[in-house]
Amino acid sequence: MNDVDDVYDVVVVGAGPGGSMAAKTAAELGLKVLMVEKRQEIGAPVRCAEGVSKEELSSLVDVKKAWIAAEVAGAKIYSPSNEVITLSAEQAGNEVGYILERKIFDRWLAKQAAKAGAEVMVKTTAIGIEKKKESLKIKLRRMGEEFDVYASIVIGADGVESRVGKWMGIDTTLRLNEIESCVQYLITNLKYDMDYCHFWLGHNRSPGGYIWMFPKGNSSGNFGIGVMPSMAKKPAKAYLDDFLEKEGVDTTHVVEVVAGGVPVSPMEKASAERCLLVGDAARHADPITGGGIINAMKGGKIAGEVAAEAVKRNDFSAKFLSVYDRRWKEDFGKTLERNKALQKKLLKMSDETMDKLVRCLKDCDLKDMSVGSIVKALIKKNPKLFWDLKDLFL
């Protein structure tokens, strides 16, 4: 017989926004929850531009000034030849509005999970899962010591190419055209308009991706790049360094460097028997922007609710847990699917075509500059180029 202290309703692997939201929600609904994080500090290192929509974030949590590094008025988007479109924060989407201090925000969210009743362990790595007849045996390592815990269901919030997903029979392998390779510098003494996020387009600058600058206050900002490995001829860092040199940015003021991969191809199923995946583990990052904080939190909340219902019903079958896939698809999955189709279209465009489209948009009187409205305008002005997307956007 297992010790009652080792038995949980849910074990959450990974304490990012998705994992903490799942743990918090499940605990609030009365489940016994354990959340484990392999790093010694939740929220570090930061592998994210840290931008979120004000409206979306406020719908999920009570916003605290302590974890807002900056508040921006909108976004400036630069074409390959530096034509500029300016969007308000409301028009710019899920990655513009607040710039978070992720180290503080992630820890705050994990604390909310703990306050709700979840047990939280840092420096604790999941090293394997064994399926038992009526539970899961989850193997953990902490401070060199290995031990086992048991759970009815596991929630994988363990990032790109999730090991939890693999162990539970979900194919989480990413091909080179399904992931963006990203590098980001935190740079001080920047000379940009700090009331805006900045985005630079162009395959010559960043093949298959874009370059960004998110202000962090006091003339500092996150300057980063995402490139698609299948299109790039050199590492992402080399493209970013070349761009910064041309822009005249002094890289002696770089105070932090992070790198990682971002999935840009939505997963059809993020559930299996006794398993749910959230955040990057479920490939819930936006294929156009690469942003995923809000979707991770939304997915985490849904996962926590579905896990609670599964415990209540004592039904952890793949069939029942597929309700999780239905719910996240109804919430934000349609946008992911639509933006993936648009991403494929953009990847085929030359820089010259992108310039023409940006000039075209500057002539349009658009009250709403959302992705949907932009594409609708482009379909009307360039029907041959975008006609195959009409069913998704019109």
Protein backbone atom coordinates (compact mmCIF):
# COMPACT_ATOMS: atom_id res chain seq x y z
CA MET A 1 0.00 0.00 0.00
CA ASN A 2 1.37 3.43 -0.95
CA ASP A 3 1.87 6.10 1.68
CA VAL A 4 -0.99 8.59 1.44
CA ASP A 5 1.58 11.42 1.25
CA ASP A 6 2.83 10.01 -2.06
CA VAL A 7 -0.59 9.78 -3.71
CA TYR A 8 -2.09 12.73 -5.62
CA ASP A 9 -5.04 13.31 -7.86
CA VAL A 10 -2.89 15.32 -10.25
CA VAL A 11 0.84 15.81 -10.79
CA VAL A 12 1.77 18.86 -12.90
CA VAL A 13 5.23 18.77 -14.49
CA GLY A 14 6.52 22.29 -15.13
CA ALA A 15 5.79 25.52 -13.24
CA GLY A 16 5.48 28.03 -16.07
CA PRO A 17 2.23 29.98 -16.58
CA GLY A 18 0.43 26.94 -18.04
CA GLY A 19 1.51 24.56 -15.31
CA SER A 20 0.81 26.97 -12.46
CA MET A 21 -2.61 27.84 -13.87
CA ALA A 22 -3.45 24.13 -14.16
CA ALA A 23 -2.26 23.42 -10.60
CA LYS A 24 -4.09 26.44 -9.18
CA THR A 25 -7.36 25.58 -10.93
CA ALA A 26 -7.25 21.90 -9.98
CA ALA A 27 -6.45 22.73 -6.34
CA GLU A 28 -9.24 25.29 -6.15
CA LEU A 29 -11.61 22.56 -7.35
CA GLY A 30 -10.63 20.35 -4.43
CA LEU A 31 -7.97 18.09 -5.96
CA LYS A 32 -4.78 17.01 -4.22
CA VAL A 33 -2.11 18.49 -6.51
CA LEU A 34 1.66 18.29 -6.77
CA MET A 35 3.52 20.64 -9.13
CA VAL A 36 7.21 19.97 -9.83
CA GLU A 37 9.75 22.27 -11.48
CA LYS A 38 13.20 21.07 -12.53
CA ARG A 39 14.88 24.45 -12.09
CA GLN A 40 15.84 25.84 -8.71
CA GLU A 41 14.06 29.12 -9.46
CA ILE A 42 10.59 29.38 -10.96
CA GLY A 43 10.58 31.89 -13.82
CA ALA A 44 14.30 31.70 -14.59
CA PRO A 45 15.81 31.68 -17.09
CA VAL A 46 13.29 33.73 -19.07
CA ARG A 47 12.81 32.34 -22.59
CA CYS A 48 10.15 34.74 -23.76
CA ALA A 49 9.71 38.30 -25.04
CA GLU A 50 7.31 38.77 -22.07
CA GLY A 51 4.54 40.64 -23.88
CA VAL A 52 0.82 40.01 -23.23
CA SER A 53 -2.53 41.61 -24.05
CA LYS A 54 -3.88 43.77 -21.23
CA GLU A 55 -7.45 42.64 -21.80
CA GLU A 56 -6.60 38.93 -22.02
CA LEU A 57 -4.37 38.96 -18.93
CA SER A 58 -6.95 40.88 -16.90
CA SER A 59 -9.57 38.27 -17.80
CA LEU A 60 -7.43 35.54 -16.21
CA VAL A 61 -5.84 37.16 -13.12
CA ASP A 62 -5.95 40.33 -11.08
CA VAL A 63 -3.09 42.37 -12.52
CA LYS A 64 -0.38 43.43 -10.04
CA LYS A 65 1.94 46.36 -10.64
CA ALA A 66 4.83 44.37 -9.16
CA TRP A 67 5.13 42.15 -12.22
CA ILE A 68 4.48 44.73 -14.95
CA ALA A 69 7.83 45.93 -16.31
CA ALA A 70 6.27 48.31 -18.85
CA GLU A 71 2.96 49.30 -20.41
CA VAL A 72 2.98 50.11 -24.11
CA ALA A 73 0.67 52.10 -26.36
CA GLY A 74 0.93 49.70 -29.28
CA ALA A 75 3.23 48.21 -31.88
CA LYS A 76 5.26 49.47 -34.82
CA ILE A 77 5.69 46.94 -37.64
CA TYR A 78 8.51 47.50 -40.15
CA SER A 79 8.45 45.99 -43.64
CA PRO A 80 11.70 44.72 -45.23
CA SER A 81 12.31 48.20 -46.69
CA ASN A 82 11.28 49.86 -43.38
CA GLU A 83 7.76 50.98 -44.32
CA VAL A 84 6.00 51.32 -40.96
CA ILE A 85 2.49 50.43 -39.74
CA THR A 86 1.53 51.62 -36.25
CA LEU A 87 -1.07 49.65 -34.28
CA SER A 88 -2.72 50.44 -30.97
CA ALA A 89 -2.29 47.91 -28.14
CA GLU A 90 -5.88 46.75 -28.65
CA GLN A 91 -5.26 46.20 -32.35
CA ALA A 92 -1.89 44.50 -32.03
CA GLY A 93 -2.99 41.20 -30.46
CA ASN A 94 -2.06 38.89 -27.62
CA GLU A 95 1.59 39.91 -27.27
CA VAL A 96 1.23 43.68 -26.93
CA GLY A 97 -0.02 45.78 -24.00
CA TYR A 98 1.82 44.77 -20.85
CA ILE A 99 5.46 43.70 -20.79
CA LEU A 100 5.81 41.32 -17.88
CA GLU A 101 8.70 40.74 -15.54
CA ARG A 102 8.43 36.98 -16.01
CA LYS A 103 10.69 36.09 -13.10
CA ILE A 104 8.29 37.87 -10.76
CA PHE A 105 5.09 36.94 -12.59
CA ASP A 106 5.81 33.21 -12.80
CA ARG A 107 6.69 33.03 -9.11
CA TRP A 108 3.54 34.96 -8.19
CA LEU A 109 1.41 32.56 -10.23
CA ALA A 110 3.11 29.53 -8.63
CA LYS A 111 2.41 31.05 -5.21
CA GLN A 112 -1.27 31.35 -6.16
CA ALA A 113 -1.25 27.62 -6.91
CA ALA A 114 0.34 26.96 -3.52
CA LYS A 115 -2.19 29.21 -1.76
CA ALA A 116 -4.97 27.25 -3.45
CA GLY A 117 -3.55 24.09 -1.86
CA ALA A 118 -1.12 22.68 -4.42
CA GLU A 119 2.19 21.30 -3.17
CA VAL A 120 5.12 22.81 -5.09
CA MET A 121 8.60 21.25 -5.40
CA VAL A 122 11.50 23.00 -7.17
CA LYS A 123 14.76 21.34 -8.27
CA THR A 124 12.60 18.29 -8.93
CA THR A 125 12.83 16.54 -12.30
CA ALA A 126 10.38 14.00 -13.71
CA ILE A 127 12.51 11.14 -15.06
CA GLY A 128 9.83 8.65 -16.09
CA ILE A 129 6.22 7.52 -15.86
CA GLU A 130 5.00 3.97 -15.40
CA LYS A 131 1.38 3.17 -16.14
CA LYS A 132 -0.24 1.10 -13.39
CA LYS A 133 -3.66 -0.52 -13.54
CA GLU A 134 -5.45 2.28 -11.70
CA SER A 135 -2.88 5.06 -11.47
CA LEU A 136 0.41 6.45 -12.76
CA LYS A 137 3.73 5.90 -11.02
CA ILE A 138 5.72 9.08 -11.63
CA LYS A 139 9.45 8.85 -11.05
CA LEU A 140 11.10 12.01 -9.71
CA ARG A 141 14.63 13.11 -8.87
CA ARG A 142 15.37 15.82 -6.32
CA MET A 143 18.80 16.82 -5.03
CA GLY A 144 20.21 13.55 -6.36
CA GLU A 145 17.58 11.44 -4.62
CA GLU A 146 15.08 9.43 -6.66
CA PHE A 147 11.56 8.74 -5.41
CA ASP A 148 8.11 7.84 -6.73
CA VAL A 149 4.71 9.49 -6.43
CA TYR A 150 1.37 8.22 -7.68
CA ALA A 151 -1.38 10.15 -9.47
CA SER A 152 -4.61 9.58 -11.32
CA ILE A 153 -3.60 12.02 -14.05
CA VAL A 154 -0.50 13.92 -15.16
CA ILE A 155 -0.47 17.37 -16.75
CA GLY A 156 2.60 18.01 -18.88
CA ALA A 157 3.68 21.65 -18.88
CA ASP A 158 7.29 20.74 -19.63
CA GLY A 159 7.86 22.75 -22.78
CA VAL A 160 8.94 22.03 -26.35
CA GLU A 161 9.10 18.32 -27.24
CA SER A 162 7.50 17.39 -23.92
CA ARG A 163 8.92 14.26 -22.31
CA VAL A 164 5.67 13.76 -20.41
CA GLY A 165 3.85 13.64 -23.73
CA LYS A 166 6.30 11.09 -25.13
CA TRP A 167 6.04 8.88 -22.04
CA MET A 168 2.25 8.95 -22.29
CA GLY A 169 2.15 8.07 -25.98
CA ILE A 170 1.70 11.51 -27.56
CA ASP A 171 4.01 12.32 -30.47
CA THR A 172 5.67 15.61 -29.49
CA THR A 173 8.50 15.47 -32.05
CA LEU A 174 8.89 18.70 -34.02
CA ARG A 175 10.22 18.90 -37.59
CA LEU A 176 12.48 21.77 -38.64
CA ASN A 177 9.57 23.62 -40.27
CA GLU A 178 7.47 23.35 -37.09
CA ILE A 179 9.75 25.23 -34.72
CA GLU A 180 11.36 28.65 -34.49
CA SER A 181 14.91 28.93 -33.19
CA CYS A 182 15.03 32.01 -30.96
CA VAL A 183 17.70 34.18 -29.33
CA GLN A 184 17.03 37.21 -27.15
CA TYR A 185 19.20 39.88 -25.53
CA LEU A 186 18.19 42.18 -22.69
CA ILE A 187 19.88 45.44 -23.70
CA THR A 188 20.18 48.73 -21.80
CA ASN A 189 20.58 52.29 -23.13
CA LEU A 190 18.35 51.70 -26.18
CA LYS A 191 17.31 54.66 -28.32
CA TYR A 192 13.87 53.57 -29.56
CA ASP A 193 10.36 54.83 -28.88
CA MET A 194 9.71 52.99 -25.62
CA ASP A 195 5.96 53.54 -25.81
CA TYR A 196 5.78 50.83 -28.49
CA CYS A 197 6.82 47.28 -29.19
CA HIS A 198 8.77 47.03 -32.45
CA PHE A 199 8.65 44.23 -35.03
CA TRP A 200 10.88 43.94 -38.11
CA LEU A 201 9.83 41.65 -40.98
CA GLY A 202 11.85 40.23 -43.88
CA HIS A 203 13.39 36.90 -44.83
CA ASN A 204 16.78 38.53 -45.34
CA ARG A 205 16.66 39.78 -41.76
CA SER A 206 15.05 36.72 -40.14
CA PRO A 207 14.17 33.81 -42.45
CA GLY A 208 10.77 32.40 -41.53
CA GLY A 209 10.37 34.67 -38.51
CA TYR A 210 10.85 38.25 -37.36
CA ILE A 211 12.90 40.48 -35.06
CA TRP A 212 11.35 42.17 -32.03
CA MET A 213 12.08 44.76 -29.37
CA PHE A 214 9.88 44.80 -26.25
CA PRO A 215 10.56 47.73 -23.89
CA LYS A 216 11.25 46.87 -20.25
CA GLY A 217 11.49 50.39 -18.80
CA ASN A 218 14.48 52.68 -18.11
CA SER A 219 15.62 52.56 -21.77
CA SER A 220 16.09 48.78 -21.64
CA GLY A 221 14.33 46.15 -23.73
CA ASN A 222 14.17 42.56 -24.92
CA PHE A 223 15.72 42.48 -28.41
CA GLY A 224 15.20 39.08 -30.00
CA ILE A 225 14.80 37.05 -33.17
CA GLY A 226 13.05 33.91 -34.31
CA VAL A 227 14.13 32.06 -37.45
CA MET A 228 12.93 28.83 -39.01
CA PRO A 229 15.86 26.36 -39.12
CA SER A 230 14.66 24.88 -42.42
CA MET A 231 15.06 28.32 -44.07
CA ALA A 232 18.02 29.82 -42.22
CA LYS A 233 21.55 29.71 -43.62
CA LYS A 234 23.20 30.62 -40.32
CA PRO A 235 22.33 30.54 -36.58
CA ALA A 236 19.63 32.84 -35.22
CA LYS A 237 22.21 34.72 -33.14
CA ALA A 238 24.21 35.62 -36.26
CA TYR A 239 21.12 37.15 -37.91
CA LEU A 240 20.33 39.14 -34.76
CA ASP A 241 23.91 40.39 -34.39
CA ASP A 242 23.96 41.49 -38.04
CA PHE A 243 20.70 43.39 -37.60
CA LEU A 244 21.81 45.12 -34.40
CA GLU A 245 25.06 46.21 -36.05
CA LYS A 246 23.14 47.75 -38.97
CA GLU A 247 20.76 49.45 -36.52
CA GLY A 248 23.69 50.89 -34.59
CA VAL A 249 22.72 49.18 -31.35
CA ASP A 250 25.60 48.97 -28.89
CA THR A 251 25.82 45.29 -27.90
CA THR A 252 28.26 46.06 -25.10
CA HIS A 253 25.09 46.94 -23.18
CA VAL A 254 23.73 43.38 -23.36
CA VAL A 255 23.09 42.25 -19.77
CA GLU A 256 21.33 38.93 -20.39
CA VAL A 257 21.17 36.34 -23.19
CA VAL A 258 18.60 33.54 -23.56
CA ALA A 259 17.93 31.05 -26.34
CA GLY A 260 15.42 28.32 -27.05
CA GLY A 261 12.85 26.89 -29.43
CA VAL A 262 9.20 27.86 -29.94
CA PRO A 263 6.72 25.47 -31.59
CA VAL A 264 4.72 27.06 -34.42
CA SER A 265 2.61 24.14 -35.56
CA PRO A 266 -0.56 23.40 -33.51
CA MET A 267 -1.02 19.87 -32.19
CA GLU A 268 -4.17 17.99 -33.21
CA LYS A 269 -4.49 16.15 -29.89
CA ALA A 270 -2.96 17.32 -26.60
CA SER A 271 -4.61 14.59 -24.52
CA ALA A 272 -4.26 10.86 -23.98
CA GLU A 273 -5.31 8.36 -21.33
CA ARG A 274 -4.44 9.94 -17.93
CA CYS A 275 -2.58 12.81 -19.59
CA LEU A 276 -3.12 16.43 -20.68
CA LEU A 277 -0.52 18.79 -22.19
CA VAL A 278 -0.52 22.58 -21.86
CA GLY A 279 1.52 25.52 -23.17
CA ASP A 280 4.49 24.81 -25.43
CA ALA A 281 4.15 21.09 -24.61
CA ALA A 282 0.80 21.25 -26.43
CA ARG A 283 2.20 23.57 -29.13
CA HIS A 284 -0.19 26.34 -28.15
CA ALA A 285 2.12 29.18 -29.25
CA ASP A 286 0.75 31.40 -32.02
CA PRO A 287 2.23 30.42 -35.43
CA ILE A 288 2.45 34.07 -36.52
CA THR A 289 3.82 35.77 -33.40
CA GLY A 290 5.30 32.84 -31.47
CA GLY A 291 3.65 34.25 -28.33
CA GLY A 292 2.13 31.75 -25.94
CA ILE A 293 1.69 33.11 -22.39
CA ILE A 294 -2.05 33.78 -22.65
CA ASN A 295 -2.81 30.52 -24.48
CA ALA A 296 -0.75 28.60 -21.91
CA MET A 297 -2.77 30.14 -19.08
CA LYS A 298 -6.07 29.50 -20.83
CA GLY A 299 -5.08 25.92 -21.61
CA GLY A 300 -3.87 25.42 -18.05
CA LYS A 301 -7.19 26.60 -16.64
CA ILE A 302 -9.13 24.28 -18.96
CA ALA A 303 -6.80 21.37 -18.11
CA GLY A 304 -7.33 21.92 -14.38
CA GLU A 305 -11.10 21.94 -14.86
CA VAL A 306 -11.09 18.82 -17.03
CA ALA A 307 -8.82 17.01 -14.55
CA ALA A 308 -11.23 17.86 -11.72
CA GLU A 309 -14.16 16.52 -13.71
CA ALA A 310 -12.20 13.35 -14.53
CA VAL A 311 -11.48 12.76 -10.82
CA LYS A 312 -15.12 13.37 -9.96
CA ARG A 313 -16.23 10.82 -12.58
CA ASN A 314 -13.28 8.50 -11.96
CA ASP A 315 -12.85 8.43 -15.71
CA PHE A 316 -9.32 9.00 -17.04
CA SER A 317 -9.86 7.44 -20.45
CA ALA A 318 -8.57 9.04 -23.62
CA LYS A 319 -12.17 9.35 -24.76
CA PHE A 320 -13.29 11.41 -21.78
CA LEU A 321 -10.13 13.54 -21.60
CA SER A 322 -10.55 14.47 -25.28
CA VAL A 323 -13.05 17.04 -24.00
CA TYR A 324 -9.92 19.06 -23.17
CA ASP A 325 -9.02 19.21 -26.89
CA ARG A 326 -12.54 20.23 -27.80
CA ARG A 327 -12.53 23.06 -25.25
CA TRP A 328 -9.14 24.60 -26.09
CA LYS A 329 -9.93 24.40 -29.80
CA GLU A 330 -13.22 26.23 -29.21
CA ASP A 331 -11.39 28.88 -27.17
CA PHE A 332 -8.19 29.66 -29.10
CA GLY A 333 -7.61 26.68 -31.40
CA LYS A 334 -9.41 28.22 -34.36
CA THR A 335 -7.09 31.22 -34.21
CA LEU A 336 -4.04 28.92 -34.11
CA GLU A 337 -5.31 26.99 -37.14
CA ARG A 338 -6.09 30.16 -39.07
CA ASN A 339 -2.75 31.77 -38.26
CA LYS A 340 -0.89 28.60 -39.24
CA ALA A 341 -2.46 28.83 -42.71
CA LEU A 342 -1.43 32.49 -42.92
CA GLN A 343 2.09 31.66 -41.72
CA LYS A 344 2.51 29.13 -44.55
CA LYS A 345 1.47 31.83 -47.00
CA LEU A 346 3.90 34.39 -45.57
CA LEU A 347 6.81 31.94 -45.65
CA LYS A 348 6.45 31.71 -49.44
CA MET A 349 6.44 35.48 -49.97
CA SER A 350 9.46 37.44 -51.11
CA ASP A 351 10.56 40.53 -49.22
CA GLU A 352 9.44 42.60 -52.23
CA THR A 353 5.90 41.19 -51.93
CA MET A 354 5.85 41.95 -48.19
CA ASP A 355 6.81 45.56 -48.95
CA LYS A 356 3.95 45.89 -51.44
CA LEU A 357 1.46 44.50 -48.94
CA VAL A 358 2.57 46.88 -46.19
CA ARG A 359 2.26 49.84 -48.58
CA CYS A 360 -1.17 48.55 -49.51
CA LEU A 361 -2.23 48.46 -45.85
CA LYS A 362 -1.00 52.01 -45.28
CA ASP A 363 -3.56 53.11 -47.88
CA CYS A 364 -6.40 51.18 -46.20
CA ASP A 365 -8.66 52.92 -43.71
CA LEU A 366 -8.86 50.12 -41.15
CA LYS A 367 -10.52 50.84 -37.82
CA ASP A 368 -9.60 47.36 -36.63
CA MET A 369 -6.02 46.27 -37.37
CA SER A 370 -6.37 42.73 -36.08
CA VAL A 371 -4.84 39.84 -38.06
CA GLY A 372 -8.30 38.98 -39.37
CA SER A 373 -9.09 42.51 -40.55
CA ILE A 374 -5.67 42.93 -42.15
CA VAL A 375 -6.04 39.70 -44.14
CA LYS A 376 -9.60 40.62 -45.19
CA ALA A 377 -8.29 43.89 -46.61
CA LEU A 378 -5.45 42.13 -48.38
CA ILE A 379 -7.81 39.55 -49.91
CA LYS A 380 -9.90 42.35 -51.39
CA LYS A 381 -6.87 44.20 -52.79
CA ASN A 382 -4.85 41.10 -53.75
CA PRO A 383 -7.38 38.34 -54.48
CA LYS A 384 -4.98 36.18 -56.47
CA LEU A 385 -2.46 36.12 -53.66
CA PHE A 386 -4.83 35.40 -50.77
CA TRP A 387 -7.90 33.79 -52.35
CA ASP A 388 -7.15 30.37 -50.86
CA LEU A 389 -7.47 31.91 -47.37
CA LYS A 390 -10.88 33.49 -47.96
CA ASP A 391 -12.81 30.70 -46.17
CA LEU A 392 -10.71 31.21 -43.03
CA PHE A 393 -10.87 34.99 -42.85
CA LEU A 394 -13.99 36.21 -44.68
